[in-house]
Amino acid sequence: MSPLVESPPRLYSAAEYLALEENAEFKSEYRDGEIIPMTGGSLFHNLIIINLCTFLRVALKPSRSMVFANDVKVWIPDHNHYTYPDILVIPGKPELQAPRTDTVLNPALIIEVLSPSTAAYDRGDKFKAYRSLPSFQEYWLVDQYQMQID
């Protein structure tokens, strides 16, 4: 009997990922060829996002910054990575990855609400990727289980 040998995961091009994402029932991130399914958020996770978006919309209204949540992708070309931040803020007009209307290139503030399954990634590799964006200025990590924002 031969030992089981795992085959390497299938790698996808960015174009293949975007085509699959168009008709997918669930959102996924794209990390340099790998498609990673995203887990759903809890009620508290969603409530925190709504409250932060409300606060930011009011606080940033005079600046004409735009606040987006959950369904807007960010393209990180230096890392060949598409991700869906929980919240992102763009000062002024969004720069879109043509011809897309759901993928931005210029977030200044990115906020992630931490979940036990994603906290290490949000603090590590994801933060490293975000830092490669020329427009990136601030990163907030919001703990949903205690009153803490990093």
C-alpha atoms as a PDB file:
ATOM      1  CA  MET A   1       0.000   0.000   0.000  1.00  0.00           C
ATOM      2  CA  SER A   2       1.436   3.367  -0.951  1.00  0.00           C
ATOM      3  CA  PRO A   3       1.345   6.263   1.480  1.00  0.00           C
ATOM      4  CA  LEU A   4      -1.161   9.013   0.787  1.00  0.00           C
ATOM      5  CA  VAL A   5       0.470  11.927  -0.926  1.00  0.00           C
ATOM      6  CA  GLU A   6      -1.301  15.235  -0.872  1.00  0.00           C
ATOM      7  CA  SER A   7      -1.236  17.094  -4.114  1.00  0.00           C
ATOM      8  CA  PRO A   8      -0.396  20.780  -3.939  1.00  0.00           C
ATOM      9  CA  PRO A   9      -3.389  23.120  -3.917  1.00  0.00           C
ATOM     10  CA  ARG A  10      -4.538  24.318  -7.315  1.00  0.00           C
ATOM     11  CA  LEU A  11      -3.309  27.793  -8.072  1.00  0.00           C
ATOM     12  CA  TYR A  12      -5.540  30.249  -9.891  1.00  0.00           C
ATOM     13  CA  SER A  13      -4.739  33.341 -11.891  1.00  0.00           C
ATOM     14  CA  ALA A  14      -6.183  36.622 -10.640  1.00  0.00           C
ATOM     15  CA  ALA A  15      -8.501  36.649 -13.672  1.00  0.00           C
ATOM     16  CA  GLU A  16      -9.791  33.157 -12.824  1.00  0.00           C
ATOM     17  CA  TYR A  17     -10.411  34.215  -9.222  1.00  0.00           C
ATOM     18  CA  LEU A  18     -12.338  37.319 -10.286  1.00  0.00           C
ATOM     19  CA  ALA A  19     -14.467  35.279 -12.696  1.00  0.00           C
ATOM     20  CA  LEU A  20     -15.250  32.701 -10.006  1.00  0.00           C
ATOM     21  CA  GLU A  21     -15.988  35.426  -7.453  1.00  0.00           C
ATOM     22  CA  GLU A  22     -18.615  36.965  -9.761  1.00  0.00           C
ATOM     23  CA  ASN A  23     -20.946  33.976  -9.284  1.00  0.00           C
ATOM     24  CA  ALA A  24     -19.789  32.643  -5.927  1.00  0.00           C
ATOM     25  CA  GLU A  25     -22.289  32.154  -3.119  1.00  0.00           C
ATOM     26  CA  PHE A  26     -19.630  33.056  -0.549  1.00  0.00           C
ATOM     27  CA  LYS A  27     -16.779  35.560  -0.592  1.00  0.00           C
ATOM     28  CA  SER A  28     -13.170  34.424  -0.813  1.00  0.00           C
ATOM     29  CA  GLU A  29      -9.804  36.118  -0.625  1.00  0.00           C
ATOM     30  CA  TYR A  30      -7.178  35.620  -3.273  1.00  0.00           C
ATOM     31  CA  ARG A  31      -3.606  35.176  -1.992  1.00  0.00           C
ATOM     32  CA  ASP A  32      -1.031  34.795  -4.726  1.00  0.00           C
ATOM     33  CA  GLY A  33      -2.854  32.032  -6.568  1.00  0.00           C
ATOM     34  CA  GLU A  34      -4.758  30.487  -3.673  1.00  0.00           C
ATOM     35  CA  ILE A  35      -8.456  31.063  -3.115  1.00  0.00           C
ATOM     36  CA  ILE A  36      -9.250  31.193   0.596  1.00  0.00           C
ATOM     37  CA  PRO A  37     -12.927  31.001   1.643  1.00  0.00           C
ATOM     38  CA  MET A  38     -13.941  33.659   4.154  1.00  0.00           C
ATOM     39  CA  THR A  39     -15.808  32.735   7.289  1.00  0.00           C
ATOM     40  CA  GLY A  40     -19.034  34.477   8.187  1.00  0.00           C
ATOM     41  CA  GLY A  41     -19.089  37.071  10.929  1.00  0.00           C
ATOM     42  CA  SER A  42     -21.047  36.910  14.168  1.00  0.00           C
ATOM     43  CA  LEU A  43     -23.879  39.231  15.151  1.00  0.00           C
ATOM     44  CA  PHE A  44     -21.470  41.228  17.320  1.00  0.00           C
ATOM     45  CA  HIS A  45     -18.922  41.379  14.508  1.00  0.00           C
ATOM     46  CA  ASN A  46     -21.575  42.870  12.232  1.00  0.00           C
ATOM     47  CA  LEU A  47     -22.862  45.271  14.892  1.00  0.00           C
ATOM     48  CA  ILE A  48     -19.345  46.600  15.521  1.00  0.00           C
ATOM     49  CA  ILE A  49     -18.889  47.202  11.780  1.00  0.00           C
ATOM     50  CA  ILE A  50     -22.202  49.055  11.519  1.00  0.00           C
ATOM     51  CA  ASN A  51     -21.432  51.207  14.562  1.00  0.00           C
ATOM     52  CA  LEU A  52     -17.949  52.087  13.329  1.00  0.00           C
ATOM     53  CA  CYS A  53     -19.234  52.928   9.847  1.00  0.00           C
ATOM     54  CA  THR A  54     -21.882  55.187  11.340  1.00  0.00           C
ATOM     55  CA  PHE A  55     -19.320  56.953  13.527  1.00  0.00           C
ATOM     56  CA  LEU A  56     -16.858  57.371  10.653  1.00  0.00           C
ATOM     57  CA  ARG A  57     -19.497  58.677   8.216  1.00  0.00           C
ATOM     58  CA  VAL A  58     -20.499  61.391  10.684  1.00  0.00           C
ATOM     59  CA  ALA A  59     -16.952  62.224  11.779  1.00  0.00           C
ATOM     60  CA  LEU A  60     -15.553  62.339   8.231  1.00  0.00           C
ATOM     61  CA  LYS A  61     -18.485  64.065   6.525  1.00  0.00           C
ATOM     62  CA  PRO A  62     -16.712  67.450   6.288  1.00  0.00           C
ATOM     63  CA  SER A  63     -13.710  65.816   4.584  1.00  0.00           C
ATOM     64  CA  ARG A  64     -15.787  64.050   1.898  1.00  0.00           C
ATOM     65  CA  SER A  65     -14.029  60.794   2.679  1.00  0.00           C
ATOM     66  CA  MET A  66     -15.905  57.658   1.672  1.00  0.00           C
ATOM     67  CA  VAL A  67     -16.558  54.767   4.068  1.00  0.00           C
ATOM     68  CA  PHE A  68     -17.139  51.231   2.776  1.00  0.00           C
ATOM     69  CA  ALA A  69     -17.870  47.951   4.540  1.00  0.00           C
ATOM     70  CA  ASN A  70     -17.477  44.265   3.741  1.00  0.00           C
ATOM     71  CA  ASP A  71     -18.284  44.040   0.030  1.00  0.00           C
ATOM     72  CA  VAL A  72     -15.558  46.196  -1.496  1.00  0.00           C
ATOM     73  CA  LYS A  73     -12.372  44.363  -2.446  1.00  0.00           C
ATOM     74  CA  VAL A  74      -8.893  45.843  -2.150  1.00  0.00           C
ATOM     75  CA  TRP A  75      -6.285  44.853  -4.748  1.00  0.00           C
ATOM     76  CA  ILE A  76      -2.753  44.661  -3.342  1.00  0.00           C
ATOM     77  CA  PRO A  77      -0.549  44.285  -6.421  1.00  0.00           C
ATOM     78  CA  ASP A  78       2.796  43.871  -4.618  1.00  0.00           C
ATOM     79  CA  HIS A  79       1.429  40.742  -2.933  1.00  0.00           C
ATOM     80  CA  ASN A  80      -0.892  39.525  -5.750  1.00  0.00           C
ATOM     81  CA  HIS A  81      -3.692  39.654  -3.204  1.00  0.00           C
ATOM     82  CA  TYR A  82      -7.391  40.537  -3.180  1.00  0.00           C
ATOM     83  CA  THR A  83      -9.025  41.000   0.204  1.00  0.00           C
ATOM     84  CA  TYR A  84     -12.284  42.223   1.704  1.00  0.00           C
ATOM     85  CA  PRO A  85     -11.525  44.468   4.686  1.00  0.00           C
ATOM     86  CA  ASP A  86     -14.298  44.848   7.237  1.00  0.00           C
ATOM     87  CA  ILE A  87     -14.172  48.639   6.787  1.00  0.00           C
ATOM     88  CA  LEU A  88     -12.124  50.919   4.592  1.00  0.00           C
ATOM     89  CA  VAL A  89     -11.964  54.678   4.237  1.00  0.00           C
ATOM     90  CA  ILE A  90     -10.910  56.469   1.078  1.00  0.00           C
ATOM     91  CA  PRO A  91     -10.228  60.191   1.176  1.00  0.00           C
ATOM     92  CA  GLY A  92     -11.744  61.717  -1.922  1.00  0.00           C
ATOM     93  CA  LYS A  93     -12.518  59.630  -4.963  1.00  0.00           C
ATOM     94  CA  PRO A  94     -11.953  55.847  -5.037  1.00  0.00           C
ATOM     95  CA  GLU A  95      -9.380  54.594  -7.527  1.00  0.00           C
ATOM     96  CA  LEU A  96     -10.909  51.511  -9.093  1.00  0.00           C
ATOM     97  CA  GLN A  97      -9.102  48.588 -10.654  1.00  0.00           C
ATOM     98  CA  ALA A  98     -10.447  48.955 -14.200  1.00  0.00           C
ATOM     99  CA  PRO A  99     -12.790  47.667 -15.464  1.00  0.00           C
ATOM    100  CA  ARG A 100     -14.089  46.599 -12.027  1.00  0.00           C
ATOM    101  CA  THR A 101     -16.514  48.601  -9.924  1.00  0.00           C
ATOM    102  CA  ASP A 102     -16.031  46.624  -6.712  1.00  0.00           C
ATOM    103  CA  THR A 103     -12.253  46.722  -6.299  1.00  0.00           C
ATOM    104  CA  VAL A 104     -10.324  49.715  -4.981  1.00  0.00           C
ATOM    105  CA  LEU A 105      -6.651  50.590  -4.963  1.00  0.00           C
ATOM    106  CA  ASN A 106      -6.426  53.529  -2.561  1.00  0.00           C
ATOM    107  CA  PRO A 107      -7.698  52.907   0.972  1.00  0.00           C
ATOM    108  CA  ALA A 108      -6.153  55.181   3.606  1.00  0.00           C
ATOM    109  CA  LEU A 109      -7.730  53.607   6.702  1.00  0.00           C
ATOM    110  CA  ILE A 110      -8.459  49.893   6.954  1.00  0.00           C
ATOM    111  CA  ILE A 111     -10.293  48.380   9.903  1.00  0.00           C
ATOM    112  CA  GLU A 112     -10.548  44.697  10.718  1.00  0.00           C
ATOM    113  CA  VAL A 113     -12.782  43.339  13.481  1.00  0.00           C
ATOM    114  CA  LEU A 114     -10.811  40.477  14.959  1.00  0.00           C
ATOM    115  CA  SER A 115     -12.150  36.943  15.067  1.00  0.00           C
ATOM    116  CA  PRO A 116     -10.380  34.052  16.785  1.00  0.00           C
ATOM    117  CA  SER A 117      -9.861  32.316  13.431  1.00  0.00           C
ATOM    118  CA  THR A 118      -8.365  35.364  11.656  1.00  0.00           C
ATOM    119  CA  ALA A 119      -6.646  37.459  14.362  1.00  0.00           C
ATOM    120  CA  ALA A 120      -3.121  36.158  13.707  1.00  0.00           C
ATOM    121  CA  TYR A 121      -3.487  36.644   9.958  1.00  0.00           C
ATOM    122  CA  ASP A 122      -4.980  40.135  10.411  1.00  0.00           C
ATOM    123  CA  ARG A 123      -2.050  41.139  12.645  1.00  0.00           C
ATOM    124  CA  GLY A 124       0.603  39.485  10.491  1.00  0.00           C
ATOM    125  CA  ASP A 125       0.577  38.760   6.758  1.00  0.00           C
ATOM    126  CA  LYS A 126      -2.524  40.815   6.013  1.00  0.00           C
ATOM    127  CA  PHE A 127      -1.063  43.873   7.756  1.00  0.00           C
ATOM    128  CA  LYS A 128       2.196  43.380   5.858  1.00  0.00           C
ATOM    129  CA  ALA A 129       0.290  43.319   2.567  1.00  0.00           C
ATOM    130  CA  TYR A 130      -1.740  46.422   3.432  1.00  0.00           C
ATOM    131  CA  ARG A 131       1.457  48.334   4.265  1.00  0.00           C
ATOM    132  CA  SER A 132       2.594  47.924   0.653  1.00  0.00           C
ATOM    133  CA  LEU A 133      -0.275  50.134  -0.587  1.00  0.00           C
ATOM    134  CA  PRO A 134       0.957  53.695  -1.285  1.00  0.00           C
ATOM    135  CA  SER A 135      -2.310  55.215   0.010  1.00  0.00           C
ATOM    136  CA  PHE A 136      -2.355  53.220   3.261  1.00  0.00           C
ATOM    137  CA  GLN A 137      -2.052  55.341   6.419  1.00  0.00           C
ATOM    138  CA  GLU A 138      -3.806  53.640   9.357  1.00  0.00           C
ATOM    139  CA  TYR A 139      -4.845  50.182  10.435  1.00  0.00           C
ATOM    140  CA  TRP A 140      -7.294  49.562  13.274  1.00  0.00           C
ATOM    141  CA  LEU A 141      -7.757  46.133  14.798  1.00  0.00           C
ATOM    142  CA  VAL A 142     -10.951  45.958  16.837  1.00  0.00           C
ATOM    143  CA  ASP A 143     -11.366  43.205  19.400  1.00  0.00           C
ATOM    144  CA  GLN A 144     -14.980  42.049  19.446  1.00  0.00           C
ATOM    145  CA  TYR A 145     -14.709  40.366  22.856  1.00  0.00           C
ATOM    146  CA  GLN A 146     -13.210  43.169  24.937  1.00  0.00           C
ATOM    147  CA  MET A 147     -13.033  46.933  24.712  1.00  0.00           C
ATOM    148  CA  GLN A 148      -9.768  47.202  22.795  1.00  0.00           C
ATOM    149  CA  ILE A 149      -8.642  48.782  19.544  1.00  0.00           C
ATOM    150  CA  ASP A 150      -5.062  48.497  18.338  1.00  0.00           C
END
